[in-house]
């Protein structure tokens, strides 16, 4: 019975913590676009990154 006196306040604090974390994530826009990141993974980049071009231009010369 004594453990109930400890577990009830801990569970209430945990519920409030989870509710605050959920409220913060909704307010900060974490759930605005759920499908966009999944489609971005599948899209090909038409333009290579600048770092890739720098590596291609720095090829050593033979001779």
N, C-alpha and C. Protein backbone atom coordinates (compact mmCIF):
# COMPACT_ATOMS: atom_id res chain seq x y z
N UNK A 1 0.81 -1.20 0.00
CA UNK A 1 0.00 0.00 0.00
C UNK A 1 0.86 1.26 0.00
N UNK A 2 2.01 1.18 0.63
CA UNK A 2 2.87 2.35 0.69
C UNK A 2 3.43 2.72 -0.69
N UNK A 3 3.59 1.74 -1.55
CA UNK A 3 4.13 2.03 -2.88
C UNK A 3 3.14 2.81 -3.73
N UNK A 4 1.84 2.68 -3.44
CA UNK A 4 0.83 3.42 -4.18
C UNK A 4 1.00 4.92 -3.94
N UNK A 5 1.38 5.30 -2.73
CA UNK A 5 1.59 6.71 -2.42
C UNK A 5 2.75 7.30 -3.23
N UNK A 6 3.64 6.48 -3.67
CA UNK A 6 4.74 6.94 -4.51
C UNK A 6 4.39 6.85 -5.99
N UNK A 7 3.72 5.78 -6.40
CA UNK A 7 3.45 5.54 -7.82
C UNK A 7 2.42 6.50 -8.41
N UNK A 8 1.42 6.89 -7.64
CA UNK A 8 0.40 7.79 -8.17
C UNK A 8 0.98 9.16 -8.50
N UNK A 9 1.72 9.82 -7.61
CA UNK A 9 2.31 11.12 -8.01
C UNK A 9 3.32 11.00 -9.15
N UNK A 10 4.09 9.94 -9.17
CA UNK A 10 5.05 9.75 -10.25
C UNK A 10 4.33 9.59 -11.58
N UNK A 11 3.24 8.83 -11.60
CA UNK A 11 2.50 8.65 -12.85
C UNK A 11 1.83 9.94 -13.30
N UNK A 12 1.34 10.75 -12.35
CA UNK A 12 0.73 12.03 -12.72
C UNK A 12 1.78 12.97 -13.30
N UNK A 13 2.95 13.02 -12.70
CA UNK A 13 4.03 13.84 -13.23
C UNK A 13 4.45 13.36 -14.61
N UNK A 14 4.51 12.06 -14.81
CA UNK A 14 4.88 11.50 -16.11
C UNK A 14 3.84 11.86 -17.18
N UNK A 15 2.57 11.79 -16.84
CA UNK A 15 1.51 12.15 -17.79
C UNK A 15 1.62 13.63 -18.17
N UNK A 16 1.85 14.50 -17.19
CA UNK A 16 2.01 15.92 -17.50
C UNK A 16 3.25 16.17 -18.35
N UNK A 17 4.32 15.45 -18.09
CA UNK A 17 5.54 15.59 -18.91
C UNK A 17 5.31 15.18 -20.35
N UNK A 18 4.62 14.08 -20.55
CA UNK A 18 4.32 13.61 -21.90
C UNK A 18 3.37 14.59 -22.60
N UNK A 19 2.39 15.11 -21.87
CA UNK A 19 1.47 16.08 -22.46
C UNK A 19 2.21 17.36 -22.86
N UNK A 20 3.14 17.82 -22.04
CA UNK A 20 3.92 19.00 -22.39
C UNK A 20 4.80 18.75 -23.61
N UNK A 21 5.40 17.58 -23.69
CA UNK A 21 6.24 17.26 -24.86
C UNK A 21 5.39 17.20 -26.13
N UNK A 22 4.20 16.63 -26.04
CA UNK A 22 3.32 16.57 -27.20
C UNK A 22 2.85 17.96 -27.59
N UNK A 23 2.49 18.78 -26.62
CA UNK A 23 2.05 20.15 -26.90
C UNK A 23 3.16 20.95 -27.57
N UNK A 24 4.38 20.80 -27.08
CA UNK A 24 5.52 21.52 -27.68
C UNK A 24 5.74 21.06 -29.12
N UNK A 25 5.65 19.76 -29.38
CA UNK A 25 5.90 19.27 -30.73
C UNK A 25 4.82 19.74 -31.71
N UNK A 26 3.59 19.83 -31.26
CA UNK A 26 2.53 20.32 -32.13
C UNK A 26 2.72 21.81 -32.39
N UNK A 27 3.06 22.58 -31.38
CA UNK A 27 3.23 24.03 -31.54
C UNK A 27 4.47 24.37 -32.38
N UNK A 28 5.49 23.52 -32.36
CA UNK A 28 6.70 23.83 -33.11
C UNK A 28 6.66 23.32 -34.55
N UNK A 29 5.57 22.67 -34.95
CA UNK A 29 5.40 22.27 -36.34
C UNK A 29 5.96 20.90 -36.68
N UNK A 30 6.12 20.04 -35.71
CA UNK A 30 6.66 18.72 -35.99
C UNK A 30 5.69 17.86 -36.80
N UNK A 31 4.40 18.14 -36.73
CA UNK A 31 3.40 17.32 -37.41
C UNK A 31 2.78 18.04 -38.60
N UNK A 32 3.39 19.09 -39.10
CA UNK A 32 2.82 19.85 -40.21
C UNK A 32 2.81 19.06 -41.51
N UNK A 33 3.92 18.45 -41.88
CA UNK A 33 4.02 17.73 -43.15
C UNK A 33 4.51 16.32 -42.87
N UNK A 34 3.57 15.38 -42.85
CA UNK A 34 3.94 14.00 -42.54
C UNK A 34 4.38 13.21 -43.77
N UNK A 35 3.95 13.62 -44.96
CA UNK A 35 4.26 12.86 -46.17
C UNK A 35 5.47 13.40 -46.91
N UNK A 36 5.81 14.66 -46.73
CA UNK A 36 6.90 15.29 -47.47
C UNK A 36 8.25 14.62 -47.30
N UNK A 37 8.70 14.34 -46.08
CA UNK A 37 10.01 13.72 -45.93
C UNK A 37 10.10 12.34 -46.58
N UNK A 38 9.00 11.60 -46.59
CA UNK A 38 9.02 10.29 -47.25
C UNK A 38 9.19 10.39 -48.75
N UNK A 39 8.58 11.42 -49.34
CA UNK A 39 8.73 11.61 -50.79
C UNK A 39 10.08 12.21 -51.14
N UNK A 40 10.64 13.02 -50.26
CA UNK A 40 11.94 13.63 -50.53
C UNK A 40 13.05 12.58 -50.61
N UNK A 41 12.89 11.49 -49.89
CA UNK A 41 13.89 10.42 -49.94
C UNK A 41 13.90 9.78 -51.32
N UNK A 42 12.74 9.69 -51.93
CA UNK A 42 12.63 9.02 -53.22
C UNK A 42 13.01 9.89 -54.41
N UNK A 43 13.01 11.19 -54.25
CA UNK A 43 13.31 12.10 -55.35
C UNK A 43 14.81 12.13 -55.65
N UNK A 44 15.14 12.15 -56.94
CA UNK A 44 16.53 12.27 -57.36
C UNK A 44 16.91 13.73 -57.43
N UNK A 45 18.15 14.02 -57.11
CA UNK A 45 18.65 15.38 -57.24
C UNK A 45 19.15 15.56 -58.67
N UNK A 46 18.62 16.57 -59.36
CA UNK A 46 19.06 16.84 -60.73
C UNK A 46 20.42 17.50 -60.75
N UNK A 47 20.72 18.26 -59.72
CA UNK A 47 21.97 19.00 -59.66
C UNK A 47 22.88 18.39 -58.61
N UNK A 48 24.09 17.98 -58.99
CA UNK A 48 25.01 17.43 -57.97
C UNK A 48 25.44 18.53 -57.00
N UNK A 49 25.82 18.11 -55.83
CA UNK A 49 26.26 19.07 -54.82
C UNK A 49 27.60 19.67 -55.21
N UNK A 50 27.92 20.83 -54.66
CA UNK A 50 29.18 21.50 -54.97
C UNK A 50 30.37 20.68 -54.53
N UNK A 51 30.24 19.92 -53.46
CA UNK A 51 31.35 19.10 -52.98
C UNK A 51 31.68 18.01 -54.00
N UNK A 52 30.66 17.46 -54.67
CA UNK A 52 30.89 16.44 -55.68
C UNK A 52 31.65 17.01 -56.88
N UNK A 53 31.32 18.24 -57.27
CA UNK A 53 32.02 18.86 -58.39
C UNK A 53 33.48 19.13 -58.04
N UNK A 54 33.74 19.52 -56.81
CA UNK A 54 35.11 19.81 -56.40
C UNK A 54 35.96 18.55 -56.43
N UNK A 55 35.39 17.43 -56.08
CA UNK A 55 36.13 16.17 -56.10
C UNK A 55 36.44 15.77 -57.54
N UNK A 56 35.49 15.99 -58.46
CA UNK A 56 35.71 15.61 -59.85
C UNK A 56 36.78 16.49 -60.51
N UNK A 57 36.87 17.75 -60.15
CA UNK A 57 37.83 18.64 -60.80
C UNK A 57 39.23 18.47 -60.25
N UNK A 58 39.39 17.83 -59.12
CA UNK A 58 40.71 17.67 -58.51
C UNK A 58 41.34 16.33 -58.83
N UNK A 59 41.08 15.81 -60.02
CA UNK A 59 41.68 14.54 -60.41
C UNK A 59 43.16 14.75 -60.72
N UNK A 60 44.03 13.87 -60.29
CA UNK A 60 45.47 14.04 -60.57
C UNK A 60 45.76 13.81 -62.05
N UNK A 61 46.72 14.56 -62.56
CA UNK A 61 47.10 14.45 -63.96
C UNK A 61 48.12 13.34 -64.12
N UNK A 62 48.03 12.61 -65.21
CA UNK A 62 48.98 11.53 -65.48
C UNK A 62 50.16 12.12 -66.29
N UNK A 63 51.37 11.86 -65.84
CA UNK A 63 52.50 12.24 -66.64
C UNK A 63 53.35 13.18 -65.99
